[in-house]
Amino acid sequence: MNEVMKNKRKISAYKIRLGIAAIVIILSVLAFFGIFYGLKFLNAEFTPLLESTISDFKFGTFFILLGVVIVTLLFGRFYCSTLCPLGILQEFAGFVFNKFKKSGKTSALPAKNLPYKYFIAAITFGTLIGGSTLLIRYSDPYTIFGSAITGSVFGLIAVILILILVSLKKRFFCTNICPVGAVLGLISKFSMNKIQIAEENCVSCGLCAKNCPSGCINIEQKTVDNETCVKCLKCTSLCPKSAIKFGKTKKEPAFSPKRREIILAACVLAAFGGAIKAGAEIGKNFIQKARNIILPPGARDANRMANKCLNCNLCIENCPNKILVKADGAFPAVHIDFSKGKGYCKFDCTECSKTCPASTIQRISPKEKQNTRIAMASIDPEKCTECGLCTFECPKGAISKENEKTILDGTKCIGCGKCKTVCRFHAIEIFGINEQKII
């Protein structure tokens, strides 16, 4: 009877974790489709938290990042199975793929824990700390998920390749490629609570190893690699003998790294240091060719935006007037495009600054936004018919009529672009400025 009750508790723990993951993936999709982002839960994603702490340090953000680290140190990589949208997508894809596989074809052999993932993490996070998000855009799970959901070509290709990996090698991306997984995995090696196999209860049926999405269970040696384990708790719910437990570890031998591990750590640290320096150099020379770029209020300047933006595109989908566009040949990060003349930056809107999880677009109040110059308008007198429509629409009163002539007061203009949307004769253009200023 006790065994039955224990199994029920384990199954419920797995289902609770799965239910939370389902809610997270649904909310993630809604947020990236611009339908609902009321909870702002994506602000708790690891890489945006780290970037926000580096670029715009605030104690609140720092403590959330510290909280993710502490939870991992206590319980292991629950982040990867419960909060990471790309990780959750892989899990659900694994369910689908397994439906089409014959039960005998699933290998029970443990997956290899490959050391090159530490170099990927060292180089990507090193360049991030050095001042550039260039590499993290192509490897971070949150950014890949966001760019895929919003239709970016790279994101779509990356997700397709990752799902192919899931069909062939389960969560290989999470265990041997993902830089976030590598960092959280190292922390998990020292977590207080781990997945363990009680040898006295195990009958070596292999059910746990065959169904482990991370391939971290060695049924022959009856061990679990808690560094690669994403704490999905599937094994605890499947074990018929309650041999797999999640909890405080037995007393382990003192940390005694082997010579090979010491050499590997030294090489990774060297790569990390070199990547920091490289990130600083990339940041200096990244956008020398960019001209006339208009940025969302709070982005400050083109150099900062190009080097700090993760290109997750969350702000684009949540922009009510749809004037934000993705990175393109003109600029390698999110920016404003007034060229179609159909949209403008709403005078009282701060959605982009509120939705940016990495603080690349700094949080500003509506009053600050209304006084932030993001661009500058220019009126072509040869095209202007003096109809006066723009004078009525300018929220700052920067355009007026004097002696039947339309006059623009540059000291008042904030470059919101509203005047351009009402000009029927294309007499008004909006030009980028070097740095946003409060006027």
Protein backbone atom coordinates (compact mmCIF):
# COMPACT_ATOMS: atom_id res chain seq x y z
CA MET A 1 0.00 0.00 0.00
CA ASN A 2 2.85 2.36 0.89
CA GLU A 3 4.49 1.67 -2.50
CA VAL A 4 1.23 2.56 -4.29
CA MET A 5 0.95 5.85 -2.38
CA LYS A 6 4.57 6.72 -3.13
CA ASN A 7 4.04 6.09 -6.83
CA LYS A 8 0.92 8.28 -6.83
CA ARG A 9 2.87 11.14 -5.22
CA LYS A 10 5.64 10.78 -7.81
CA ILE A 11 3.18 10.72 -10.70
CA SER A 12 1.46 13.83 -9.34
CA ALA A 13 4.81 15.65 -9.03
CA TYR A 14 5.58 14.85 -12.66
CA LYS A 15 2.14 15.98 -13.77
CA ILE A 16 2.37 19.20 -11.77
CA ARG A 17 5.73 19.98 -13.39
CA LEU A 18 4.28 19.14 -16.81
CA GLY A 19 1.25 21.34 -16.14
CA ILE A 20 3.45 24.32 -15.24
CA ALA A 21 5.50 23.76 -18.40
CA ALA A 22 2.31 23.70 -20.49
CA ILE A 23 1.16 27.00 -19.00
CA VAL A 24 4.59 28.55 -19.66
CA ILE A 25 4.69 27.48 -23.32
CA ILE A 26 1.13 28.73 -23.91
CA LEU A 27 1.90 32.10 -22.30
CA SER A 28 5.15 32.30 -24.29
CA VAL A 29 3.34 31.80 -27.58
CA LEU A 30 0.67 34.37 -26.62
CA ALA A 31 3.39 36.88 -25.67
CA PHE A 32 5.35 36.44 -28.90
CA PHE A 33 2.15 36.71 -30.94
CA GLY A 34 1.41 40.01 -29.20
CA ILE A 35 -1.87 38.66 -27.78
CA PHE A 36 -1.15 38.68 -24.04
CA TYR A 37 1.90 39.55 -21.99
CA GLY A 38 0.38 40.70 -18.73
CA LEU A 39 2.49 38.57 -16.38
CA LYS A 40 5.90 39.63 -17.81
CA PHE A 41 7.21 36.16 -16.88
CA LEU A 42 9.73 36.16 -19.74
CA ASN A 43 11.70 38.67 -17.68
CA ALA A 44 12.80 35.61 -15.67
CA GLU A 45 14.56 33.95 -18.63
CA PHE A 46 18.26 33.37 -17.87
CA THR A 47 20.00 35.20 -20.73
CA PRO A 48 17.75 38.30 -20.70
CA LEU A 49 18.27 38.46 -16.94
CA LEU A 50 22.04 38.29 -17.36
CA GLU A 51 22.05 40.88 -20.17
CA SER A 52 19.76 43.18 -18.17
CA THR A 53 22.03 42.89 -15.14
CA ILE A 54 25.08 43.74 -17.25
CA SER A 55 23.63 46.56 -19.35
CA ASP A 56 21.29 48.24 -16.88
CA PHE A 57 22.05 46.97 -13.38
CA LYS A 58 19.11 46.99 -10.99
CA PHE A 59 18.92 45.11 -7.73
CA GLY A 60 15.51 43.62 -8.61
CA THR A 61 16.84 42.05 -11.81
CA PHE A 62 20.01 40.89 -10.08
CA PHE A 63 18.05 39.15 -7.32
CA ILE A 64 15.83 37.36 -9.84
CA LEU A 65 18.96 36.10 -11.62
CA LEU A 66 20.42 35.09 -8.27
CA GLY A 67 17.13 33.33 -7.51
CA VAL A 68 17.42 31.21 -10.68
CA VAL A 69 20.97 30.23 -9.66
CA ILE A 70 19.93 29.40 -6.08
CA VAL A 71 16.96 27.28 -7.21
CA THR A 72 19.31 25.39 -9.54
CA LEU A 73 21.80 24.92 -6.71
CA LEU A 74 19.04 23.55 -4.51
CA PHE A 75 17.03 21.43 -6.95
CA GLY A 76 18.92 21.14 -10.24
CA ARG A 77 17.96 22.11 -13.79
CA PHE A 78 14.21 22.61 -13.30
CA TYR A 79 14.61 25.82 -15.31
CA CYS A 80 15.26 23.76 -18.46
CA SER A 81 12.09 21.70 -18.15
CA THR A 82 9.75 24.25 -16.63
CA LEU A 83 10.70 27.83 -17.64
CA CYS A 84 12.67 27.57 -20.89
CA PRO A 85 10.17 27.75 -23.81
CA LEU A 86 12.55 26.05 -26.25
CA GLY A 87 13.21 23.26 -23.75
CA ILE A 88 9.48 22.75 -23.24
CA LEU A 89 8.91 22.74 -27.00
CA GLN A 90 11.48 19.94 -27.32
CA GLU A 91 9.75 17.95 -24.60
CA PHE A 92 6.35 18.14 -26.29
CA ALA A 93 7.97 17.35 -29.65
CA GLY A 94 9.54 14.29 -28.01
CA PHE A 95 6.07 13.09 -26.97
CA VAL A 96 4.91 13.33 -30.57
CA PHE A 97 7.98 11.61 -32.02
CA ASN A 98 7.75 8.77 -29.51
CA LYS A 99 4.21 8.02 -30.68
CA PHE A 100 5.62 7.07 -34.07
CA LYS A 101 8.52 5.01 -32.76
CA LYS A 102 8.40 1.34 -31.93
CA SER A 103 9.13 0.71 -28.28
CA GLY A 104 12.08 -1.52 -29.04
CA LYS A 105 13.90 1.16 -31.01
CA THR A 106 14.50 3.53 -28.11
CA SER A 107 18.06 3.15 -26.88
CA ALA A 108 18.75 2.71 -23.17
CA LEU A 109 22.40 3.67 -23.55
CA PRO A 110 23.34 6.89 -21.72
CA ALA A 111 24.15 9.92 -23.88
CA LYS A 112 27.70 11.24 -23.91
CA ASN A 113 28.44 14.40 -21.93
CA LEU A 114 30.62 16.20 -24.48
CA PRO A 115 33.14 18.81 -23.21
CA TYR A 116 32.89 21.23 -26.16
CA LYS A 117 29.65 22.63 -24.72
CA TYR A 118 31.72 24.39 -22.05
CA PHE A 119 33.65 26.21 -24.77
CA ILE A 120 30.39 27.21 -26.47
CA ALA A 121 29.12 28.64 -23.17
CA ALA A 122 32.45 30.34 -22.38
CA ILE A 123 32.66 32.02 -25.78
CA THR A 124 29.01 33.09 -26.04
CA PHE A 125 28.70 34.41 -22.49
CA GLY A 126 32.22 35.86 -22.64
CA THR A 127 31.34 38.00 -25.66
CA LEU A 128 28.07 38.97 -23.95
CA ILE A 129 29.93 40.19 -20.86
CA GLY A 130 32.47 41.88 -23.12
CA GLY A 131 29.70 43.96 -24.63
CA SER A 132 28.20 42.17 -27.66
CA THR A 133 25.13 39.95 -28.09
CA LEU A 134 26.24 38.87 -31.57
CA LEU A 135 27.01 35.23 -30.68
CA ILE A 136 24.32 34.80 -28.04
CA ARG A 137 21.67 35.58 -30.68
CA TYR A 138 22.57 32.36 -32.48
CA SER A 139 22.78 30.02 -29.49
CA ASP A 140 20.54 31.23 -26.66
CA PRO A 141 17.35 29.10 -26.34
CA TYR A 142 15.07 32.02 -25.42
CA THR A 143 16.26 34.10 -28.39
CA ILE A 144 16.00 31.18 -30.82
CA PHE A 145 12.44 30.45 -29.68
CA GLY A 146 11.40 34.11 -29.95
CA SER A 147 12.91 34.61 -33.38
CA ALA A 148 11.26 31.40 -34.64
CA ILE A 149 7.81 32.27 -33.29
CA THR A 150 8.04 35.72 -34.88
CA GLY A 151 8.96 34.26 -38.27
CA SER A 152 12.66 35.08 -38.52
CA VAL A 153 14.42 32.84 -41.03
CA PHE A 154 17.30 31.96 -38.71
CA GLY A 155 14.97 31.11 -35.83
CA LEU A 156 12.78 28.88 -37.99
CA ILE A 157 15.79 27.01 -39.42
CA ALA A 158 17.35 26.63 -35.96
CA VAL A 159 14.16 25.23 -34.42
CA ILE A 160 13.67 22.80 -37.33
CA LEU A 161 17.24 21.51 -36.87
CA ILE A 162 16.75 21.22 -33.10
CA LEU A 163 13.52 19.26 -33.57
CA ILE A 164 15.32 16.93 -35.99
CA LEU A 165 17.90 16.41 -33.23
CA VAL A 166 15.06 15.61 -30.82
CA SER A 167 13.76 12.92 -33.17
CA LEU A 168 17.24 11.38 -33.47
CA LYS A 169 19.00 12.06 -30.17
CA LYS A 170 16.31 13.42 -27.86
CA ARG A 171 17.36 16.62 -26.03
CA PHE A 172 20.91 16.70 -27.40
CA PHE A 173 20.73 20.48 -27.84
CA CYS A 174 19.97 20.93 -24.13
CA THR A 175 22.67 18.55 -22.93
CA ASN A 176 25.55 19.29 -25.32
CA ILE A 177 25.02 22.57 -27.19
CA CYS A 178 22.93 25.07 -25.22
CA PRO A 179 25.15 27.61 -23.37
CA VAL A 180 22.50 28.19 -20.70
CA GLY A 181 22.21 24.44 -20.16
CA ALA A 182 25.98 24.14 -19.80
CA VAL A 183 26.09 26.81 -17.08
CA LEU A 184 23.07 25.50 -15.19
CA GLY A 185 24.38 21.94 -15.59
CA LEU A 186 27.65 22.85 -13.87
CA ILE A 187 25.68 24.37 -11.01
CA SER A 188 23.47 21.25 -10.88
CA LYS A 189 26.52 19.06 -10.26
CA PHE A 190 26.60 20.57 -6.78
CA SER A 191 22.84 20.77 -6.16
CA MET A 192 21.53 19.61 -2.80
CA ASN A 193 18.70 17.56 -4.31
CA LYS A 194 19.35 15.10 -7.13
CA ILE A 195 17.83 12.19 -9.00
CA GLN A 196 19.23 8.95 -7.57
CA ILE A 197 18.71 5.23 -8.10
CA ALA A 198 18.26 3.04 -5.04
CA GLU A 199 20.19 -0.08 -6.04
CA GLU A 200 18.40 -2.28 -3.50
CA ASN A 201 15.03 -1.58 -5.18
CA CYS A 202 16.11 -1.42 -8.85
CA VAL A 203 15.30 -4.48 -10.97
CA SER A 204 17.17 -3.15 -14.05
CA CYS A 205 14.05 -3.10 -16.21
CA GLY A 206 15.50 -0.15 -18.14
CA LEU A 207 12.19 1.70 -18.34
CA CYS A 208 13.69 4.88 -16.91
CA ALA A 209 16.70 4.92 -19.23
CA LYS A 210 14.62 4.25 -22.34
CA ASN A 211 12.29 7.15 -21.56
CA CYS A 212 14.84 9.67 -20.26
CA PRO A 213 14.78 12.67 -22.66
CA SER A 214 18.31 13.68 -21.67
CA GLY A 215 19.86 10.22 -21.86
CA CYS A 216 21.39 10.80 -18.44
CA ILE A 217 20.59 7.43 -16.82
CA ASN A 218 23.09 4.56 -16.90
CA ILE A 219 21.01 1.55 -15.94
CA GLU A 220 23.99 -0.80 -15.93
CA GLN A 221 25.87 1.23 -13.34
CA LYS A 222 22.63 2.50 -11.75
CA THR A 223 23.77 6.12 -11.87
CA VAL A 224 22.24 9.40 -13.03
CA ASP A 225 24.23 12.25 -14.55
CA ASN A 226 22.58 15.14 -12.72
CA GLU A 227 24.55 17.66 -14.76
CA THR A 228 22.64 16.78 -17.94
CA CYS A 229 19.41 15.81 -16.16
CA VAL A 230 16.74 18.48 -16.82
CA LYS A 231 14.59 17.31 -13.89
CA CYS A 232 11.55 16.42 -15.96
CA LEU A 233 10.70 13.81 -13.26
CA LYS A 234 9.50 11.36 -15.90
CA CYS A 235 11.70 8.58 -14.56
CA THR A 236 10.29 8.93 -11.04
CA SER A 237 6.75 8.53 -12.37
CA LEU A 238 7.59 5.46 -14.49
CA CYS A 239 9.62 3.36 -12.05
CA PRO A 240 7.40 0.44 -10.88
CA LYS A 241 9.57 -0.23 -7.83
CA SER A 242 10.08 3.34 -6.56
CA ALA A 243 13.81 2.86 -7.10
CA ILE A 244 14.31 6.33 -8.53
CA LYS A 245 14.13 9.12 -6.01
CA PHE A 246 14.50 12.87 -6.12
CA GLY A 247 15.80 14.40 -2.94
CA LYS A 248 18.81 15.15 -0.81
CA THR A 249 21.91 13.30 -1.88
CA LYS A 250 23.81 10.83 0.18
CA LYS A 251 27.17 12.01 1.43
CA GLU A 252 29.40 12.21 -1.61
CA PRO A 253 33.18 11.96 -1.77
CA ALA A 254 35.13 15.21 -1.50
CA PHE A 255 35.56 17.14 -4.74
CA SER A 256 38.74 15.84 -6.33
CA PRO A 257 39.06 16.80 -10.00
CA LYS A 258 41.19 14.69 -12.29
CA ARG A 259 44.12 16.11 -14.21
CA ARG A 260 42.12 16.07 -17.45
CA GLU A 261 39.30 18.04 -15.81
CA ILE A 262 41.74 20.63 -14.47
CA ILE A 263 43.25 21.12 -17.94
CA LEU A 264 39.77 21.39 -19.47
CA ALA A 265 38.73 23.99 -16.88
CA ALA A 266 41.87 26.02 -17.56
CA CYS A 267 41.24 25.96 -21.32
CA VAL A 268 37.60 26.98 -20.84
CA LEU A 269 38.63 29.88 -18.57
CA ALA A 270 41.18 30.99 -21.16
CA ALA A 271 38.48 30.90 -23.86
CA PHE A 272 36.16 32.86 -21.57
CA GLY A 273 38.76 35.57 -20.98
CA GLY A 274 39.55 35.79 -24.68
CA ALA A 275 35.84 35.99 -25.53
CA ILE A 276 35.35 38.93 -23.15
CA LYS A 277 38.11 40.82 -24.95
CA ALA A 278 36.68 39.81 -28.34
CA GLY A 279 33.21 40.98 -27.26
CA ALA A 280 34.61 44.39 -26.42
CA GLU A 281 36.30 44.62 -29.84
CA ILE A 282 33.14 43.50 -31.65
CA GLY A 283 31.17 46.13 -29.75
CA LYS A 284 33.47 48.92 -30.94
CA ASN A 285 33.28 48.06 -34.64
CA PHE A 286 29.86 46.47 -35.02
CA ILE A 287 27.81 49.21 -36.72
CA GLN A 288 30.25 51.52 -38.46
CA LYS A 289 28.18 51.37 -41.67
CA ALA A 290 24.78 52.01 -40.05
CA ARG A 291 23.27 55.38 -40.96
CA ASN A 292 19.96 57.13 -40.34
CA ILE A 293 18.64 54.47 -37.96
CA ILE A 294 15.62 55.33 -35.79
CA LEU A 295 15.37 53.45 -32.49
CA PRO A 296 12.51 52.91 -30.03
CA PRO A 297 12.37 55.34 -27.06
CA GLY A 298 14.77 54.17 -24.35
CA ALA A 299 17.26 52.51 -26.69
CA ARG A 300 19.57 55.53 -26.30
CA ASP A 301 21.86 55.12 -29.33
CA ALA A 302 22.53 52.82 -32.29
CA ASN A 303 25.79 51.41 -30.96
CA ARG A 304 24.23 50.32 -27.70
CA MET A 305 21.15 48.86 -29.40
CA ALA A 306 23.22 46.91 -31.92
CA ASN A 307 25.36 45.39 -29.18
CA LYS A 308 22.72 44.76 -26.52
CA CYS A 309 19.57 43.69 -28.38
CA LEU A 310 18.94 39.92 -28.28
CA ASN A 311 16.67 40.08 -31.36
CA CYS A 312 14.00 38.05 -29.59
CA ASN A 313 11.45 40.34 -31.33
CA LEU A 314 9.10 40.42 -28.34
CA CYS A 315 8.85 44.22 -28.56
CA ILE A 316 7.97 44.03 -32.26
CA GLU A 317 4.96 41.80 -31.70
CA ASN A 318 3.72 43.90 -28.77
CA CYS A 319 4.07 47.28 -30.52
CA PRO A 320 0.48 48.55 -30.96
CA ASN A 321 1.27 50.59 -34.10
CA LYS A 322 3.57 47.94 -35.63
CA ILE A 323 6.37 50.38 -36.50
CA LEU A 324 9.15 48.22 -35.05
CA VAL A 325 10.92 45.93 -37.50
CA LYS A 326 13.39 43.05 -37.20
CA ALA A 327 17.11 43.18 -37.82
CA ASP A 328 17.91 43.54 -41.50
CA GLY A 329 20.67 44.57 -43.88
CA ALA A 330 20.44 48.17 -42.70
CA PHE A 331 20.76 47.47 -38.97
CA PRO A 332 21.52 44.28 -37.00
CA ALA A 333 18.90 44.83 -34.29
CA VAL A 334 15.29 45.92 -33.79
CA HIS A 335 14.56 49.44 -35.07
CA ILE A 336 11.77 51.73 -36.24
CA ASP A 337 10.68 51.96 -39.87
CA PHE A 338 8.56 54.98 -40.84
CA SER A 339 9.13 54.46 -44.56
CA LYS A 340 5.66 53.09 -45.29
CA GLY A 341 4.06 56.14 -43.70
CA LYS A 342 1.28 54.10 -42.06
CA GLY A 343 2.41 54.16 -38.46
CA TYR A 344 3.91 56.43 -35.87
CA CYS A 345 5.24 56.17 -32.33
CA LYS A 346 2.22 56.77 -30.08
CA PHE A 347 2.69 59.70 -27.76
CA ASP A 348 1.60 57.89 -24.59
CA CYS A 349 2.88 54.37 -25.42
CA THR A 350 5.83 52.71 -23.64
CA GLU A 351 5.07 49.08 -24.55
CA CYS A 352 8.49 48.37 -26.10
CA SER A 353 10.31 49.46 -22.96
CA LYS A 354 7.93 47.46 -20.77
CA THR A 355 8.22 44.27 -22.82
CA CYS A 356 12.00 44.22 -23.38
CA PRO A 357 13.24 41.52 -20.95
CA ALA A 358 16.92 42.41 -21.38
CA SER A 359 16.57 46.16 -20.61
CA THR A 360 18.12 46.91 -23.99
CA ILE A 361 15.22 49.32 -24.38
CA GLN A 362 15.40 50.93 -20.99
CA ARG A 363 12.22 51.28 -18.95
CA ILE A 364 10.91 54.83 -19.24
CA SER A 365 7.76 56.52 -17.94
CA PRO A 366 5.13 57.96 -20.31
CA LYS A 367 6.27 61.48 -19.33
CA GLU A 368 9.91 60.67 -20.14
CA LYS A 369 8.86 59.09 -23.42
CA GLN A 370 6.86 62.18 -24.41
CA ASN A 371 9.99 64.28 -24.02
CA THR A 372 12.49 61.90 -25.59
CA ARG A 373 13.71 62.83 -29.05
CA ILE A 374 14.16 59.65 -31.07
CA ALA A 375 14.41 61.28 -34.50
CA MET A 376 13.84 64.58 -36.31
CA ALA A 377 11.20 65.59 -38.84
CA SER A 378 11.98 67.59 -41.97
CA ILE A 379 9.52 69.37 -44.29
CA ASP A 380 10.25 69.67 -47.99
CA PRO A 381 8.89 73.11 -49.03
CA GLU A 382 8.70 72.08 -52.66
CA LYS A 383 6.29 69.24 -51.90
CA CYS A 384 4.34 70.93 -49.08
CA THR A 385 0.91 72.28 -50.14
CA GLU A 386 0.43 74.20 -46.87
CA CYS A 387 -2.72 72.22 -46.08
CA GLY A 388 -1.92 72.45 -42.37
CA LEU A 389 -2.95 68.91 -41.40
CA CYS A 390 0.42 68.27 -39.74
CA THR A 391 0.03 71.32 -37.49
CA PHE A 392 -3.09 69.82 -35.92
CA GLU A 393 -1.58 66.36 -35.45
CA CYS A 394 1.83 67.15 -33.88
CA PRO A 395 1.53 66.19 -30.18
CA LYS A 396 4.35 68.56 -29.17
CA GLY A 397 3.15 71.60 -31.11
CA ALA A 398 6.41 71.62 -33.06
CA ILE A 399 4.70 72.50 -36.39
CA SER A 400 2.89 75.78 -36.90
CA LYS A 401 1.77 78.18 -39.63
CA GLU A 402 3.48 81.55 -40.04
CA ASN A 403 2.59 83.86 -42.90
CA GLU A 404 0.83 80.99 -44.64
CA LYS A 405 4.00 78.90 -44.41
CA THR A 406 4.39 75.64 -42.49
CA ILE A 407 7.22 76.00 -39.97
CA LEU A 408 8.92 73.21 -37.99
CA ASP A 409 10.43 74.10 -34.60
CA GLY A 410 13.32 71.64 -34.23
CA THR A 411 13.67 72.35 -30.51
CA LYS A 412 10.26 70.77 -29.85
CA CYS A 413 10.22 67.89 -32.34
CA ILE A 414 10.65 64.38 -30.84
CA GLY A 415 10.50 62.51 -34.17
CA CYS A 416 7.38 60.47 -33.38
CA GLY A 417 6.38 60.44 -37.06
CA LYS A 418 2.71 61.32 -36.63
CA CYS A 419 3.04 64.30 -38.95
CA LYS A 420 4.35 62.03 -41.69
CA THR A 421 1.29 59.76 -41.49
CA VAL A 422 -1.15 62.62 -42.23
CA CYS A 423 0.89 64.25 -44.99
CA ARG A 424 -0.81 63.25 -48.24
CA PHE A 425 1.92 64.67 -50.46
CA HIS A 426 4.96 62.97 -48.90
CA ALA A 427 6.45 66.33 -47.96
CA ILE A 428 7.63 65.16 -44.52
CA GLU A 429 10.52 62.82 -43.82
CA ILE A 430 11.79 61.50 -40.49
CA PHE A 431 15.55 61.23 -40.01
CA GLY A 432 17.56 59.36 -37.41
CA ILE A 433 19.75 61.08 -34.83
CA ASN A 434 23.03 60.00 -33.25
CA GLU A 435 21.72 59.79 -29.70
CA GLN A 436 18.30 60.05 -28.08
CA LYS A 437 17.89 63.06 -25.81
CA ILE A 438 15.38 64.41 -23.29
CA ILE A 439 14.13 67.80 -24.48
